């Protein structure tokens, strides 16, 4: 399956996605004083999330390595000095609510870092992926890792001549993690599938075929 993506579909024009993804059936206590039972099946309950005054927070994915060990990731955007900035965001379920945990940003003035996918194998092994958009430069893959204590940026390849975007990740084991998205080799409006693999020591690019009938707008999500 292919999906057309262009700059117009990216977060600079606010990418479509789940606005509030921190809602889980029967897993989270309600934001009110009453908690949902563990075996609740009657419907969804709302989980309280943290916010930052004057800034907009957007959640894009969840990582759930264990029951009630839940991370929500995405990005923060606001206007700083007349320019819009995007910074990475991670919130962790602590008791009845999600709390913001500091994440590093690669770009500065204006920041342009996004996280779109998350996955983990344990409480000390969580991955979040997205991309950075340096001013007047091609986009670059952005992979961050939680080791149980802090988030850090991992070294990741950028095989696309004109940019690389990561949109999702899955963690099969601590030594087998896949991140996927799109690469741009023939201009910003021509994308082909991108896949990166973690073998426990390094992230490497893995060749992915492009559908024969595709006109050049293919990505993996």
C-alpha atoms as a PDB file:
ATOM      1  CA  UNK A   1       0.000   0.000   0.000  1.00  0.00           C
ATOM      2  CA  UNK A   2       1.354   3.425  -0.862  1.00  0.00           C
ATOM      3  CA  UNK A   3       0.560   6.783   0.608  1.00  0.00           C
ATOM      4  CA  UNK A   4       1.337  10.161  -0.847  1.00  0.00           C
ATOM      5  CA  UNK A   5       3.248  12.456   1.471  1.00  0.00           C
ATOM      6  CA  UNK A   6       4.548  15.916   0.703  1.00  0.00           C
ATOM      7  CA  UNK A   7       5.667  18.862   2.775  1.00  0.00           C
ATOM      8  CA  UNK A   8       2.024  19.896   2.993  1.00  0.00           C
ATOM      9  CA  UNK A   9       1.205  16.716   4.902  1.00  0.00           C
ATOM     10  CA  UNK A  10       3.967  17.202   7.447  1.00  0.00           C
ATOM     11  CA  UNK A  11       3.738  18.770  10.903  1.00  0.00           C
ATOM     12  CA  UNK A  12       4.656  22.244   9.657  1.00  0.00           C
ATOM     13  CA  UNK A  13       1.033  22.364   8.573  1.00  0.00           C
ATOM     14  CA  UNK A  14       0.022  20.158  11.519  1.00  0.00           C
ATOM     15  CA  UNK A  15       0.021  16.503  10.475  1.00  0.00           C
ATOM     16  CA  UNK A  16      -3.229  14.621  10.877  1.00  0.00           C
ATOM     17  CA  UNK A  17      -3.108  12.146  13.700  1.00  0.00           C
ATOM     18  CA  UNK A  18      -4.470  11.321  17.098  1.00  0.00           C
ATOM     19  CA  UNK A  19      -4.815  14.492  19.140  1.00  0.00           C
ATOM     20  CA  UNK A  20      -5.245  12.714  22.435  1.00  0.00           C
ATOM     21  CA  UNK A  21      -3.846   9.212  22.223  1.00  0.00           C
ATOM     22  CA  UNK A  22      -3.481   8.647  25.958  1.00  0.00           C
ATOM     23  CA  UNK A  23      -6.799   6.826  26.225  1.00  0.00           C
ATOM     24  CA  UNK A  24      -6.652   3.121  26.935  1.00  0.00           C
ATOM     25  CA  UNK A  25      -9.483   0.670  27.392  1.00  0.00           C
ATOM     26  CA  UNK A  26      -9.359  -0.843  30.867  1.00  0.00           C
ATOM     27  CA  UNK A  27      -5.686   0.009  31.430  1.00  0.00           C
ATOM     28  CA  UNK A  28      -5.731   3.520  32.843  1.00  0.00           C
ATOM     29  CA  UNK A  29      -7.437   5.022  35.889  1.00  0.00           C
ATOM     30  CA  UNK A  30      -9.877   7.786  35.078  1.00  0.00           C
ATOM     31  CA  UNK A  31      -8.894  11.427  35.454  1.00  0.00           C
ATOM     32  CA  UNK A  32     -11.521  11.759  38.198  1.00  0.00           C
ATOM     33  CA  UNK A  33     -11.218  10.272  41.677  1.00  0.00           C
ATOM     34  CA  UNK A  34     -12.907   7.078  40.508  1.00  0.00           C
ATOM     35  CA  UNK A  35     -10.625   4.541  38.843  1.00  0.00           C
ATOM     36  CA  UNK A  36     -11.675   2.187  36.091  1.00  0.00           C
ATOM     37  CA  UNK A  37     -11.466  -1.479  37.085  1.00  0.00           C
ATOM     38  CA  UNK A  38      -8.748  -3.578  35.463  1.00  0.00           C
ATOM     39  CA  UNK A  39     -11.335  -5.614  33.588  1.00  0.00           C
ATOM     40  CA  UNK A  40     -13.416  -2.646  32.431  1.00  0.00           C
ATOM     41  CA  UNK A  41     -15.154  -3.336  29.150  1.00  0.00           C
ATOM     42  CA  UNK A  42     -17.913  -0.734  29.144  1.00  0.00           C
ATOM     43  CA  UNK A  43     -15.974   1.963  27.306  1.00  0.00           C
ATOM     44  CA  UNK A  44     -13.023   4.327  27.172  1.00  0.00           C
ATOM     45  CA  UNK A  45     -11.845   6.449  30.087  1.00  0.00           C
ATOM     46  CA  UNK A  46      -9.810   9.644  29.896  1.00  0.00           C
ATOM     47  CA  UNK A  47      -6.288   9.728  31.305  1.00  0.00           C
ATOM     48  CA  UNK A  48      -4.934  13.028  32.594  1.00  0.00           C
ATOM     49  CA  UNK A  49      -1.859  14.371  30.781  1.00  0.00           C
ATOM     50  CA  UNK A  50       0.597  17.128  31.616  1.00  0.00           C
ATOM     51  CA  UNK A  51       0.649  20.409  29.731  1.00  0.00           C
ATOM     52  CA  UNK A  52       2.907  23.426  29.311  1.00  0.00           C
ATOM     53  CA  UNK A  53       1.444  26.908  29.560  1.00  0.00           C
ATOM     54  CA  UNK A  54       1.350  28.678  26.198  1.00  0.00           C
ATOM     55  CA  UNK A  55       2.426  25.609  24.210  1.00  0.00           C
ATOM     56  CA  UNK A  56       0.537  22.995  22.190  1.00  0.00           C
ATOM     57  CA  UNK A  57       1.251  19.308  22.765  1.00  0.00           C
ATOM     58  CA  UNK A  58       0.523  16.650  20.158  1.00  0.00           C
ATOM     59  CA  UNK A  59       0.663  12.911  20.870  1.00  0.00           C
ATOM     60  CA  UNK A  60       1.405  10.547  17.994  1.00  0.00           C
ATOM     61  CA  UNK A  61       2.106   7.086  19.455  1.00  0.00           C
ATOM     62  CA  UNK A  62       2.198   4.865  22.534  1.00  0.00           C
ATOM     63  CA  UNK A  63       4.809   2.426  23.832  1.00  0.00           C
ATOM     64  CA  UNK A  64       3.549  -0.140  26.357  1.00  0.00           C
ATOM     65  CA  UNK A  65       6.379  -2.504  27.389  1.00  0.00           C
ATOM     66  CA  UNK A  66       4.375  -3.797  30.362  1.00  0.00           C
ATOM     67  CA  UNK A  67       0.935  -3.414  31.902  1.00  0.00           C
ATOM     68  CA  UNK A  68       0.551   0.158  33.203  1.00  0.00           C
ATOM     69  CA  UNK A  69       4.091   1.025  32.025  1.00  0.00           C
ATOM     70  CA  UNK A  70       2.954   3.374  29.311  1.00  0.00           C
ATOM     71  CA  UNK A  71       4.674   6.118  27.313  1.00  0.00           C
ATOM     72  CA  UNK A  72       2.988   8.653  25.055  1.00  0.00           C
ATOM     73  CA  UNK A  73       5.268  10.432  22.578  1.00  0.00           C
ATOM     74  CA  UNK A  74       4.915  13.229  20.040  1.00  0.00           C
ATOM     75  CA  UNK A  75       6.013  16.840  19.875  1.00  0.00           C
ATOM     76  CA  UNK A  76       5.453  20.322  21.275  1.00  0.00           C
ATOM     77  CA  UNK A  77       4.952  23.355  19.061  1.00  0.00           C
ATOM     78  CA  UNK A  78       4.705  27.066  19.759  1.00  0.00           C
ATOM     79  CA  UNK A  79       5.847  30.462  18.476  1.00  0.00           C
ATOM     80  CA  UNK A  80       9.250  31.637  19.713  1.00  0.00           C
ATOM     81  CA  UNK A  81      10.579  34.985  18.563  1.00  0.00           C
ATOM     82  CA  UNK A  82       8.093  35.075  15.712  1.00  0.00           C
ATOM     83  CA  UNK A  83       9.075  31.611  14.407  1.00  0.00           C
ATOM     84  CA  UNK A  84       7.272  28.327  14.978  1.00  0.00           C
ATOM     85  CA  UNK A  85       9.302  25.729  16.856  1.00  0.00           C
ATOM     86  CA  UNK A  86       8.775  21.976  17.221  1.00  0.00           C
ATOM     87  CA  UNK A  87      10.348  20.020  20.083  1.00  0.00           C
ATOM     88  CA  UNK A  88      10.211  16.356  21.041  1.00  0.00           C
ATOM     89  CA  UNK A  89       7.765  15.204  23.712  1.00  0.00           C
ATOM     90  CA  UNK A  90       7.520  12.118  25.925  1.00  0.00           C
ATOM     91  CA  UNK A  91       5.086  11.581  28.778  1.00  0.00           C
ATOM     92  CA  UNK A  92       5.166   8.597  31.140  1.00  0.00           C
ATOM     93  CA  UNK A  93       2.264   7.212  33.145  1.00  0.00           C
ATOM     94  CA  UNK A  94       2.971   7.964  36.816  1.00  0.00           C
ATOM     95  CA  UNK A  95       0.122   6.971  39.115  1.00  0.00           C
ATOM     96  CA  UNK A  96      -3.147   8.346  37.729  1.00  0.00           C
ATOM     97  CA  UNK A  97      -1.655  10.729  35.150  1.00  0.00           C
ATOM     98  CA  UNK A  98       0.991  11.159  32.465  1.00  0.00           C
ATOM     99  CA  UNK A  99       4.016  13.270  33.416  1.00  0.00           C
ATOM    100  CA  UNK A 100       6.460  14.945  31.001  1.00  0.00           C
ATOM    101  CA  UNK A 101       9.939  13.380  30.929  1.00  0.00           C
ATOM    102  CA  UNK A 102      12.714  15.521  29.369  1.00  0.00           C
ATOM    103  CA  UNK A 103      13.762  14.509  25.847  1.00  0.00           C
ATOM    104  CA  UNK A 104      16.702  15.915  23.864  1.00  0.00           C
ATOM    105  CA  UNK A 105      16.296  18.037  20.736  1.00  0.00           C
ATOM    106  CA  UNK A 106      18.805  18.070  17.906  1.00  0.00           C
ATOM    107  CA  UNK A 107      17.830  21.365  16.294  1.00  0.00           C
ATOM    108  CA  UNK A 108      18.049  24.854  17.771  1.00  0.00           C
ATOM    109  CA  UNK A 109      16.696  28.314  16.917  1.00  0.00           C
ATOM    110  CA  UNK A 110      14.243  27.405  15.573  1.00  0.00           C
ATOM    111  CA  UNK A 111      13.920  23.847  16.814  1.00  0.00           C
ATOM    112  CA  UNK A 112      12.320  21.396  14.382  1.00  0.00           C
ATOM    113  CA  UNK A 113      12.278  17.916  15.900  1.00  0.00           C
ATOM    114  CA  UNK A 114       9.344  15.480  15.762  1.00  0.00           C
ATOM    115  CA  UNK A 115       8.586  12.021  17.188  1.00  0.00           C
ATOM    116  CA  UNK A 116       5.967   9.842  15.451  1.00  0.00           C
ATOM    117  CA  UNK A 117       6.539   6.239  16.572  1.00  0.00           C
ATOM    118  CA  UNK A 118       7.329   4.444  19.824  1.00  0.00           C
ATOM    119  CA  UNK A 119       7.986   0.861  20.935  1.00  0.00           C
ATOM    120  CA  UNK A 120       9.730  -0.913  23.774  1.00  0.00           C
ATOM    121  CA  UNK A 121      10.739  -4.298  25.131  1.00  0.00           C
ATOM    122  CA  UNK A 122      11.080  -3.382  28.832  1.00  0.00           C
ATOM    123  CA  UNK A 123      10.920  -0.480  31.268  1.00  0.00           C
ATOM    124  CA  UNK A 124      14.559   0.293  30.435  1.00  0.00           C
ATOM    125  CA  UNK A 125      14.423  -0.217  26.672  1.00  0.00           C
ATOM    126  CA  UNK A 126      12.099   2.202  24.852  1.00  0.00           C
ATOM    127  CA  UNK A 127      12.599   3.616  21.351  1.00  0.00           C
ATOM    128  CA  UNK A 128      10.999   6.713  19.818  1.00  0.00           C
ATOM    129  CA  UNK A 129      11.496   7.720  16.172  1.00  0.00           C
ATOM    130  CA  UNK A 130      10.778  10.703  13.966  1.00  0.00           C
ATOM    131  CA  UNK A 131      12.854  13.250  12.138  1.00  0.00           C
ATOM    132  CA  UNK A 132      14.622  16.586  12.373  1.00  0.00           C
ATOM    133  CA  UNK A 133      14.156  19.404   9.896  1.00  0.00           C
ATOM    134  CA  UNK A 134      17.221  21.671   9.939  1.00  0.00           C
ATOM    135  CA  UNK A 135      16.729  25.100   8.411  1.00  0.00           C
ATOM    136  CA  UNK A 136      17.374  24.977   4.643  1.00  0.00           C
ATOM    137  CA  UNK A 137      18.674  21.393   4.954  1.00  0.00           C
ATOM    138  CA  UNK A 138      17.239  17.940   4.139  1.00  0.00           C
ATOM    139  CA  UNK A 139      15.258  16.243   6.874  1.00  0.00           C
ATOM    140  CA  UNK A 140      17.192  13.690   8.941  1.00  0.00           C
ATOM    141  CA  UNK A 141      16.175  10.582  10.862  1.00  0.00           C
ATOM    142  CA  UNK A 142      15.759  11.104  14.602  1.00  0.00           C
ATOM    143  CA  UNK A 143      15.881   8.105  16.951  1.00  0.00           C
ATOM    144  CA  UNK A 144      15.782   8.463  20.723  1.00  0.00           C
ATOM    145  CA  UNK A 145      16.254   5.759  23.374  1.00  0.00           C
ATOM    146  CA  UNK A 146      15.119   5.462  26.999  1.00  0.00           C
ATOM    147  CA  UNK A 147      17.485   3.369  29.142  1.00  0.00           C
ATOM    148  CA  UNK A 148      15.396   3.476  32.304  1.00  0.00           C
ATOM    149  CA  UNK A 149      16.978   6.713  33.484  1.00  0.00           C
ATOM    150  CA  UNK A 150      17.107   9.212  30.624  1.00  0.00           C
ATOM    151  CA  UNK A 151      16.335   9.746  26.929  1.00  0.00           C
ATOM    152  CA  UNK A 152      19.254  10.148  24.512  1.00  0.00           C
ATOM    153  CA  UNK A 153      19.635  10.564  20.755  1.00  0.00           C
ATOM    154  CA  UNK A 154      20.978   7.490  18.968  1.00  0.00           C
ATOM    155  CA  UNK A 155      23.182   7.630  15.889  1.00  0.00           C
ATOM    156  CA  UNK A 156      21.084   6.733  12.834  1.00  0.00           C
ATOM    157  CA  UNK A 157      21.764   6.638   9.078  1.00  0.00           C
ATOM    158  CA  UNK A 158      20.272   8.981   6.473  1.00  0.00           C
ATOM    159  CA  UNK A 159      20.431   7.180   3.114  1.00  0.00           C
ATOM    160  CA  UNK A 160      18.176   9.605   1.230  1.00  0.00           C
ATOM    161  CA  UNK A 161      19.988  12.225  -0.823  1.00  0.00           C
ATOM    162  CA  UNK A 162      17.307  14.843  -0.124  1.00  0.00           C
ATOM    163  CA  UNK A 163      15.971  13.795   3.253  1.00  0.00           C
ATOM    164  CA  UNK A 164      14.726  10.967   5.473  1.00  0.00           C
ATOM    165  CA  UNK A 165      11.648  10.725   7.710  1.00  0.00           C
ATOM    166  CA  UNK A 166      10.836   7.991  10.251  1.00  0.00           C
ATOM    167  CA  UNK A 167       7.152   7.425  11.007  1.00  0.00           C
ATOM    168  CA  UNK A 168       6.912   4.176  13.027  1.00  0.00           C
ATOM    169  CA  UNK A 169       8.959   1.651  14.991  1.00  0.00           C
ATOM    170  CA  UNK A 170       8.483  -1.861  16.357  1.00  0.00           C
ATOM    171  CA  UNK A 171      10.661  -3.643  18.909  1.00  0.00           C
ATOM    172  CA  UNK A 172      10.761  -7.427  18.567  1.00  0.00           C
ATOM    173  CA  UNK A 173      13.562  -7.826  21.106  1.00  0.00           C
ATOM    174  CA  UNK A 174      16.365  -5.756  22.603  1.00  0.00           C
ATOM    175  CA  UNK A 175      18.519  -6.721  19.604  1.00  0.00           C
ATOM    176  CA  UNK A 176      15.869  -6.605  16.889  1.00  0.00           C
ATOM    177  CA  UNK A 177      14.135  -3.272  16.323  1.00  0.00           C
ATOM    178  CA  UNK A 178      12.758  -1.872  13.061  1.00  0.00           C
ATOM    179  CA  UNK A 179      12.012   1.755  12.175  1.00  0.00           C
ATOM    180  CA  UNK A 180      10.264   2.705   8.929  1.00  0.00           C
ATOM    181  CA  UNK A 181       9.273   5.804   6.994  1.00  0.00           C
ATOM    182  CA  UNK A 182      10.238   7.506   3.741  1.00  0.00           C
ATOM    183  CA  UNK A 183      13.389   8.668   1.969  1.00  0.00           C
ATOM    184  CA  UNK A 184      13.759  11.340  -0.673  1.00  0.00           C
ATOM    185  CA  UNK A 185      16.303  10.819  -3.418  1.00  0.00           C
ATOM    186  CA  UNK A 186      14.961  12.781  -6.373  1.00  0.00           C
ATOM    187  CA  UNK A 187      13.541  15.884  -4.729  1.00  0.00           C
ATOM    188  CA  UNK A 188      11.270  16.593  -1.788  1.00  0.00           C
ATOM    189  CA  UNK A 189       8.115  15.428  -3.563  1.00  0.00           C
ATOM    190  CA  UNK A 190       9.521  12.040  -4.617  1.00  0.00           C
ATOM    191  CA  UNK A 191       9.581   9.527  -1.765  1.00  0.00           C
ATOM    192  CA  UNK A 192      10.370   5.830  -1.528  1.00  0.00           C
ATOM    193  CA  UNK A 193      10.072   3.416   1.436  1.00  0.00           C
ATOM    194  CA  UNK A 194      12.722   3.595   4.152  1.00  0.00           C
ATOM    195  CA  UNK A 195      13.609   0.917   6.723  1.00  0.00           C
ATOM    196  CA  UNK A 196      16.279   0.975   9.435  1.00  0.00           C
ATOM    197  CA  UNK A 197      17.282  -1.970  11.654  1.00  0.00           C
ATOM    198  CA  UNK A 198      18.801  -2.093  15.148  1.00  0.00           C
ATOM    199  CA  UNK A 199      20.893  -5.209  15.864  1.00  0.00           C
ATOM    200  CA  UNK A 200      21.746  -4.366  19.450  1.00  0.00           C
ATOM    201  CA  UNK A 201      24.741  -2.245  18.568  1.00  0.00           C
ATOM    202  CA  UNK A 202      23.999  -0.146  15.488  1.00  0.00           C
ATOM    203  CA  UNK A 203      21.221   1.195  13.301  1.00  0.00           C
ATOM    204  CA  UNK A 204      21.660   0.367   9.615  1.00  0.00           C
ATOM    205  CA  UNK A 205      19.592   1.041   6.492  1.00  0.00           C
ATOM    206  CA  UNK A 206      17.956  -1.991   4.855  1.00  0.00           C
ATOM    207  CA  UNK A 207      16.906  -1.995   1.192  1.00  0.00           C
ATOM    208  CA  UNK A 208      13.131  -1.862   0.669  1.00  0.00           C
ATOM    209  CA  UNK A 209      11.436  -2.382  -2.720  1.00  0.00           C
ATOM    210  CA  UNK A 210       9.186   0.302  -4.154  1.00  0.00           C
ATOM    211  CA  UNK A 211       5.848  -0.911  -5.584  1.00  0.00           C
ATOM    212  CA  UNK A 212       6.103  -1.252  -9.364  1.00  0.00           C
ATOM    213  CA  UNK A 213       2.945   0.772  -9.956  1.00  0.00           C
ATOM    214  CA  UNK A 214       3.989   3.594  -7.654  1.00  0.00           C
ATOM    215  CA  UNK A 215       4.682   6.971  -9.255  1.00  0.00           C
ATOM    216  CA  UNK A 216       7.177   7.985  -6.583  1.00  0.00           C
ATOM    217  CA  UNK A 217       5.142   8.744  -3.494  1.00  0.00           C
ATOM    218  CA  UNK A 218       5.558   5.706  -1.258  1.00  0.00           C
ATOM    219  CA  UNK A 219       6.228   5.446   2.449  1.00  0.00           C
ATOM    220  CA  UNK A 220       5.961   2.943   5.309  1.00  0.00           C
ATOM    221  CA  UNK A 221       3.925   3.845   8.355  1.00  0.00           C
END
